Amino acid sequence: MQTLYLGCLALGILFAVVSVVVGDLIGSALDGIFDIVSFDFLNPTLLAGGITVFGGAGMLLGRYSGLEDGVILALSLLVAAFMGVLMHLVVVKPMRNSEMSNGFSMSELPGKIGEVTVPVPGSGYGEIMVKFGAGNSLHTAASFEQHALPAGIKVVVVEVREGVALVSEFEERKGVDL
């Protein structure tokens, strides 16, 4: 049994080293060929980690406990499953949820508050900066009310026509209007 545990431990360590050294090359060559199989428990990181923990737990229990081989095998499987679930909850799932895109749609612009970066003439085009998520986005803008808008003032996007944000000066109201 020690040979099985040692083999699993060595295989897991070898997988980790190969992943670090040539992981990007292999990932580019395979180009998402395994994306069809999207079960979380088939994640290579979890499988390799589970196999490594199984081997390590088996080696330690075999060497430092007086338990029988069947009990060691069962305990090693339990420890590997527990560590796999723990690794999924602590590492894999948070990393998958942390992927964030700063992409947006022009249809999301109306109602957004922005700042004029290039002055917008009464009848012409300027530029505004609007915050989207973690980043800022620059857009061509025209005055909705045909008034000149100087750089640095806050504006609200009223609508988008032909890729141009039509903006109006943002008036921050204090108190309640009756």
C-alpha atoms as a PDB file:
ATOM      1  CA  MET A   1       0.000   0.000   0.000  1.00  0.00           C
ATOM      2  CA  GLN A   2       2.879   2.352   0.696  1.00  0.00           C
ATOM      3  CA  THR A   3       3.787   2.158  -3.003  1.00  0.00           C
ATOM      4  CA  LEU A   4       0.274   3.337  -3.969  1.00  0.00           C
ATOM      5  CA  TYR A   5       0.434   6.250  -1.539  1.00  0.00           C
ATOM      6  CA  LEU A   6       3.942   7.210  -2.603  1.00  0.00           C
ATOM      7  CA  GLY A   7       2.925   7.039  -6.266  1.00  0.00           C
ATOM      8  CA  CYS A   8      -0.100   9.295  -5.680  1.00  0.00           C
ATOM      9  CA  LEU A   9       1.995  11.775  -3.708  1.00  0.00           C
ATOM     10  CA  ALA A  10       4.708  11.845  -6.381  1.00  0.00           C
ATOM     11  CA  LEU A  11       2.129  12.161  -9.178  1.00  0.00           C
ATOM     12  CA  GLY A  12       0.490  15.113  -7.445  1.00  0.00           C
ATOM     13  CA  ILE A  13       3.800  16.871  -6.858  1.00  0.00           C
ATOM     14  CA  LEU A  14       4.851  16.218 -10.456  1.00  0.00           C
ATOM     15  CA  PHE A  15       1.527  17.610 -11.718  1.00  0.00           C
ATOM     16  CA  ALA A  16       1.995  20.757  -9.628  1.00  0.00           C
ATOM     17  CA  VAL A  17       5.537  21.328 -10.934  1.00  0.00           C
ATOM     18  CA  VAL A  18       4.528  20.682 -14.554  1.00  0.00           C
ATOM     19  CA  SER A  19       1.513  22.992 -14.171  1.00  0.00           C
ATOM     20  CA  VAL A  20       3.697  25.803 -12.910  1.00  0.00           C
ATOM     21  CA  VAL A  21       6.436  25.354 -15.496  1.00  0.00           C
ATOM     22  CA  VAL A  22       4.491  24.594 -18.673  1.00  0.00           C
ATOM     23  CA  GLY A  23       0.858  25.209 -17.656  1.00  0.00           C
ATOM     24  CA  ASP A  24       0.347  28.137 -20.016  1.00  0.00           C
ATOM     25  CA  LEU A  25       1.836  26.247 -22.944  1.00  0.00           C
ATOM     26  CA  ILE A  26      -0.400  23.239 -22.371  1.00  0.00           C
ATOM     27  CA  GLY A  27      -3.444  25.467 -21.837  1.00  0.00           C
ATOM     28  CA  SER A  28      -2.801  27.290 -25.112  1.00  0.00           C
ATOM     29  CA  ALA A  29      -2.225  24.056 -27.020  1.00  0.00           C
ATOM     30  CA  LEU A  30      -5.428  22.443 -25.753  1.00  0.00           C
ATOM     31  CA  ASP A  31      -7.344  25.730 -26.173  1.00  0.00           C
ATOM     32  CA  GLY A  32     -10.304  24.854 -23.961  1.00  0.00           C
ATOM     33  CA  ILE A  33     -10.834  21.347 -25.305  1.00  0.00           C
ATOM     34  CA  PHE A  34     -12.031  20.190 -21.872  1.00  0.00           C
ATOM     35  CA  ASP A  35     -14.455  23.088 -21.330  1.00  0.00           C
ATOM     36  CA  ILE A  36     -17.331  20.783 -22.320  1.00  0.00           C
ATOM     37  CA  VAL A  37     -16.776  18.829 -19.118  1.00  0.00           C
ATOM     38  CA  SER A  38     -17.684  21.533 -16.652  1.00  0.00           C
ATOM     39  CA  PHE A  39     -18.327  19.567 -13.488  1.00  0.00           C
ATOM     40  CA  ASP A  40     -16.633  21.341 -10.594  1.00  0.00           C
ATOM     41  CA  PHE A  41     -15.346  18.092  -9.085  1.00  0.00           C
ATOM     42  CA  LEU A  42     -13.501  17.314 -12.341  1.00  0.00           C
ATOM     43  CA  ASN A  43     -11.424  20.467 -11.999  1.00  0.00           C
ATOM     44  CA  PRO A  44      -7.772  19.448 -12.571  1.00  0.00           C
ATOM     45  CA  THR A  45      -6.636  21.489  -9.587  1.00  0.00           C
ATOM     46  CA  LEU A  46      -9.040  19.675  -7.290  1.00  0.00           C
ATOM     47  CA  LEU A  47      -8.283  16.242  -8.712  1.00  0.00           C
ATOM     48  CA  ALA A  48      -4.517  16.687  -8.485  1.00  0.00           C
ATOM     49  CA  GLY A  49      -4.811  18.179  -5.002  1.00  0.00           C
ATOM     50  CA  GLY A  50      -7.054  15.334  -3.853  1.00  0.00           C
ATOM     51  CA  ILE A  51      -4.714  12.673  -5.236  1.00  0.00           C
ATOM     52  CA  THR A  52      -1.731  14.373  -3.582  1.00  0.00           C
ATOM     53  CA  VAL A  53      -3.503  14.632  -0.221  1.00  0.00           C
ATOM     54  CA  PHE A  54      -4.622  10.990  -0.523  1.00  0.00           C
ATOM     55  CA  GLY A  55      -1.026   9.908  -1.071  1.00  0.00           C
ATOM     56  CA  GLY A  56       0.374  12.087   1.688  1.00  0.00           C
ATOM     57  CA  ALA A  57      -2.290  11.088   4.223  1.00  0.00           C
ATOM     58  CA  GLY A  58      -1.791   7.428   3.367  1.00  0.00           C
ATOM     59  CA  MET A  59       1.979   7.710   3.787  1.00  0.00           C
ATOM     60  CA  LEU A  60       1.681   9.478   7.144  1.00  0.00           C
ATOM     61  CA  LEU A  61      -1.022   7.205   8.535  1.00  0.00           C
ATOM     62  CA  GLY A  62       0.829   4.098   7.364  1.00  0.00           C
ATOM     63  CA  ARG A  63       4.094   5.178   8.912  1.00  0.00           C
ATOM     64  CA  TYR A  64       2.917   6.778  12.195  1.00  0.00           C
ATOM     65  CA  SER A  65      -0.264   4.900  13.119  1.00  0.00           C
ATOM     66  CA  GLY A  66      -0.782   1.272  13.947  1.00  0.00           C
ATOM     67  CA  LEU A  67      -3.981   1.032  11.885  1.00  0.00           C
ATOM     68  CA  GLU A  68      -4.760  -1.679   9.342  1.00  0.00           C
ATOM     69  CA  ASP A  69      -4.454  -1.042   5.610  1.00  0.00           C
ATOM     70  CA  GLY A  70      -8.232  -0.919   5.019  1.00  0.00           C
ATOM     71  CA  VAL A  71      -8.731   1.687   7.733  1.00  0.00           C
ATOM     72  CA  ILE A  72      -5.797   3.747   6.437  1.00  0.00           C
ATOM     73  CA  LEU A  73      -7.245   3.611   2.922  1.00  0.00           C
ATOM     74  CA  ALA A  74     -10.659   4.758   4.147  1.00  0.00           C
ATOM     75  CA  LEU A  75      -9.205   7.557   6.282  1.00  0.00           C
ATOM     76  CA  SER A  76      -6.960   8.695   3.415  1.00  0.00           C
ATOM     77  CA  LEU A  77      -9.960   8.857   1.084  1.00  0.00           C
ATOM     78  CA  LEU A  78     -11.928  10.851   3.679  1.00  0.00           C
ATOM     79  CA  VAL A  79      -9.071  13.291   4.241  1.00  0.00           C
ATOM     80  CA  ALA A  80      -8.611  13.710   0.466  1.00  0.00           C
ATOM     81  CA  ALA A  81     -12.353  14.315  -0.052  1.00  0.00           C
ATOM     82  CA  PHE A  82     -12.462  16.801   2.811  1.00  0.00           C
ATOM     83  CA  MET A  83      -9.444  18.704   1.513  1.00  0.00           C
ATOM     84  CA  GLY A  84     -10.889  18.665  -2.025  1.00  0.00           C
ATOM     85  CA  VAL A  85     -14.147  20.212  -0.799  1.00  0.00           C
ATOM     86  CA  LEU A  86     -12.224  22.706   1.319  1.00  0.00           C
ATOM     87  CA  MET A  87      -9.996  23.656  -1.633  1.00  0.00           C
ATOM     88  CA  HIS A  88     -13.084  24.074  -3.824  1.00  0.00           C
ATOM     89  CA  LEU A  89     -14.775  26.359  -1.304  1.00  0.00           C
ATOM     90  CA  VAL A  90     -11.698  28.386  -0.365  1.00  0.00           C
ATOM     91  CA  VAL A  91      -9.769  28.608  -3.665  1.00  0.00           C
ATOM     92  CA  VAL A  92     -11.607  27.521  -6.812  1.00  0.00           C
ATOM     93  CA  LYS A  93     -15.063  28.984  -6.191  1.00  0.00           C
ATOM     94  CA  PRO A  94     -13.867  32.432  -5.013  1.00  0.00           C
ATOM     95  CA  MET A  95     -11.471  32.672  -7.977  1.00  0.00           C
ATOM     96  CA  ARG A  96     -14.240  31.791 -10.421  1.00  0.00           C
ATOM     97  CA  ASN A  97     -16.540  34.383  -8.837  1.00  0.00           C
ATOM     98  CA  SER A  98     -13.827  37.041  -8.841  1.00  0.00           C
ATOM     99  CA  GLU A  99     -13.522  37.127 -12.605  1.00  0.00           C
ATOM    100  CA  MET A 100     -14.831  40.521 -13.562  1.00  0.00           C
ATOM    101  CA  SER A 101     -15.333  42.204 -16.857  1.00  0.00           C
ATOM    102  CA  ASN A 102     -15.330  45.922 -17.438  1.00  0.00           C
ATOM    103  CA  GLY A 103     -17.406  45.459 -20.582  1.00  0.00           C
ATOM    104  CA  PHE A 104     -20.594  47.446 -20.980  1.00  0.00           C
ATOM    105  CA  SER A 105     -23.305  48.193 -23.469  1.00  0.00           C
ATOM    106  CA  MET A 106     -24.149  51.635 -24.828  1.00  0.00           C
ATOM    107  CA  SER A 107     -27.745  50.932 -23.771  1.00  0.00           C
ATOM    108  CA  GLU A 108     -26.531  51.062 -20.151  1.00  0.00           C
ATOM    109  CA  LEU A 109     -25.421  54.697 -20.476  1.00  0.00           C
ATOM    110  CA  PRO A 110     -28.750  56.578 -20.029  1.00  0.00           C
ATOM    111  CA  GLY A 111     -29.069  57.695 -16.425  1.00  0.00           C
ATOM    112  CA  LYS A 112     -25.335  57.392 -15.686  1.00  0.00           C
ATOM    113  CA  ILE A 113     -23.481  60.335 -14.177  1.00  0.00           C
ATOM    114  CA  GLY A 114     -20.272  61.373 -15.861  1.00  0.00           C
ATOM    115  CA  GLU A 115     -17.769  64.208 -16.081  1.00  0.00           C
ATOM    116  CA  VAL A 116     -16.982  66.331 -19.116  1.00  0.00           C
ATOM    117  CA  THR A 117     -13.349  65.796 -20.119  1.00  0.00           C
ATOM    118  CA  VAL A 118     -13.402  67.701 -23.425  1.00  0.00           C
ATOM    119  CA  PRO A 119     -15.774  70.719 -23.489  1.00  0.00           C
ATOM    120  CA  VAL A 120     -19.062  70.063 -25.270  1.00  0.00           C
ATOM    121  CA  PRO A 121     -20.119  73.010 -27.490  1.00  0.00           C
ATOM    122  CA  GLY A 122     -23.801  73.913 -27.931  1.00  0.00           C
ATOM    123  CA  SER A 123     -23.873  72.347 -31.375  1.00  0.00           C
ATOM    124  CA  GLY A 124     -20.983  69.931 -31.665  1.00  0.00           C
ATOM    125  CA  TYR A 125     -19.196  67.127 -29.918  1.00  0.00           C
ATOM    126  CA  GLY A 126     -17.050  66.788 -26.829  1.00  0.00           C
ATOM    127  CA  GLU A 127     -16.114  63.925 -24.549  1.00  0.00           C
ATOM    128  CA  ILE A 128     -17.337  62.585 -21.213  1.00  0.00           C
ATOM    129  CA  MET A 129     -15.931  60.045 -18.791  1.00  0.00           C
ATOM    130  CA  VAL A 130     -18.353  57.599 -17.139  1.00  0.00           C
ATOM    131  CA  LYS A 131     -17.438  55.123 -14.399  1.00  0.00           C
ATOM    132  CA  PHE A 132     -18.372  51.507 -15.189  1.00  0.00           C
ATOM    133  CA  GLY A 133     -17.588  48.965 -12.485  1.00  0.00           C
ATOM    134  CA  ALA A 134     -13.889  49.100 -11.713  1.00  0.00           C
ATOM    135  CA  GLY A 135     -12.936  51.269 -14.696  1.00  0.00           C
ATOM    136  CA  ASN A 136     -13.733  54.472 -16.506  1.00  0.00           C
ATOM    137  CA  SER A 137     -14.998  54.754 -20.042  1.00  0.00           C
ATOM    138  CA  LEU A 138     -14.702  57.710 -22.429  1.00  0.00           C
ATOM    139  CA  HIS A 139     -17.567  58.528 -24.801  1.00  0.00           C
ATOM    140  CA  THR A 140     -18.293  61.065 -27.516  1.00  0.00           C
ATOM    141  CA  ALA A 141     -20.951  63.436 -26.213  1.00  0.00           C
ATOM    142  CA  ALA A 142     -23.262  66.164 -27.451  1.00  0.00           C
ATOM    143  CA  SER A 143     -25.445  68.548 -25.460  1.00  0.00           C
ATOM    144  CA  PHE A 144     -29.046  67.357 -25.169  1.00  0.00           C
ATOM    145  CA  GLU A 145     -30.307  70.928 -24.603  1.00  0.00           C
ATOM    146  CA  GLN A 146     -27.911  72.558 -27.100  1.00  0.00           C
ATOM    147  CA  HIS A 147     -26.035  74.388 -24.266  1.00  0.00           C
ATOM    148  CA  ALA A 148     -22.254  74.566 -24.013  1.00  0.00           C
ATOM    149  CA  LEU A 149     -20.846  72.379 -21.243  1.00  0.00           C
ATOM    150  CA  PRO A 150     -17.347  73.220 -19.905  1.00  0.00           C
ATOM    151  CA  ALA A 151     -14.784  70.607 -18.914  1.00  0.00           C
ATOM    152  CA  GLY A 152     -14.948  69.354 -15.341  1.00  0.00           C
ATOM    153  CA  ILE A 153     -18.686  69.609 -14.710  1.00  0.00           C
ATOM    154  CA  LYS A 154     -20.891  66.654 -13.879  1.00  0.00           C
ATOM    155  CA  VAL A 155     -23.399  65.570 -16.491  1.00  0.00           C
ATOM    156  CA  VAL A 156     -26.105  62.948 -16.768  1.00  0.00           C
ATOM    157  CA  VAL A 157     -26.562  60.895 -19.913  1.00  0.00           C
ATOM    158  CA  VAL A 158     -30.110  61.451 -21.170  1.00  0.00           C
ATOM    159  CA  GLU A 159     -30.000  59.123 -24.182  1.00  0.00           C
ATOM    160  CA  VAL A 160     -27.684  57.571 -26.739  1.00  0.00           C
ATOM    161  CA  ARG A 161     -28.218  58.261 -30.450  1.00  0.00           C
ATOM    162  CA  GLU A 162     -25.995  56.774 -33.164  1.00  0.00           C
ATOM    163  CA  GLY A 163     -23.223  56.052 -30.670  1.00  0.00           C
ATOM    164  CA  VAL A 164     -23.218  59.587 -29.234  1.00  0.00           C
ATOM    165  CA  ALA A 165     -24.191  60.206 -25.617  1.00  0.00           C
ATOM    166  CA  LEU A 166     -26.616  63.118 -25.333  1.00  0.00           C
ATOM    167  CA  VAL A 167     -25.923  64.756 -21.977  1.00  0.00           C
ATOM    168  CA  SER A 168     -27.355  67.438 -19.769  1.00  0.00           C
ATOM    169  CA  GLU A 169     -25.785  69.234 -16.819  1.00  0.00           C
ATOM    170  CA  PHE A 170     -26.297  67.303 -13.606  1.00  0.00           C
ATOM    171  CA  GLU A 171     -28.082  69.344 -10.964  1.00  0.00           C
ATOM    172  CA  GLU A 172     -27.671  67.926  -7.506  1.00  0.00           C
ATOM    173  CA  ARG A 173     -30.814  68.715  -5.569  1.00  0.00           C
ATOM    174  CA  LYS A 174     -30.732  69.310  -1.860  1.00  0.00           C
ATOM    175  CA  GLY A 175     -33.932  68.960   0.110  1.00  0.00           C
ATOM    176  CA  VAL A 176     -37.361  68.029  -1.159  1.00  0.00           C
ATOM    177  CA  ASP A 177     -39.188  69.786  -3.987  1.00  0.00           C
ATOM    178  CA  LEU A 178     -42.879  70.380  -3.426  1.00  0.00           C
END
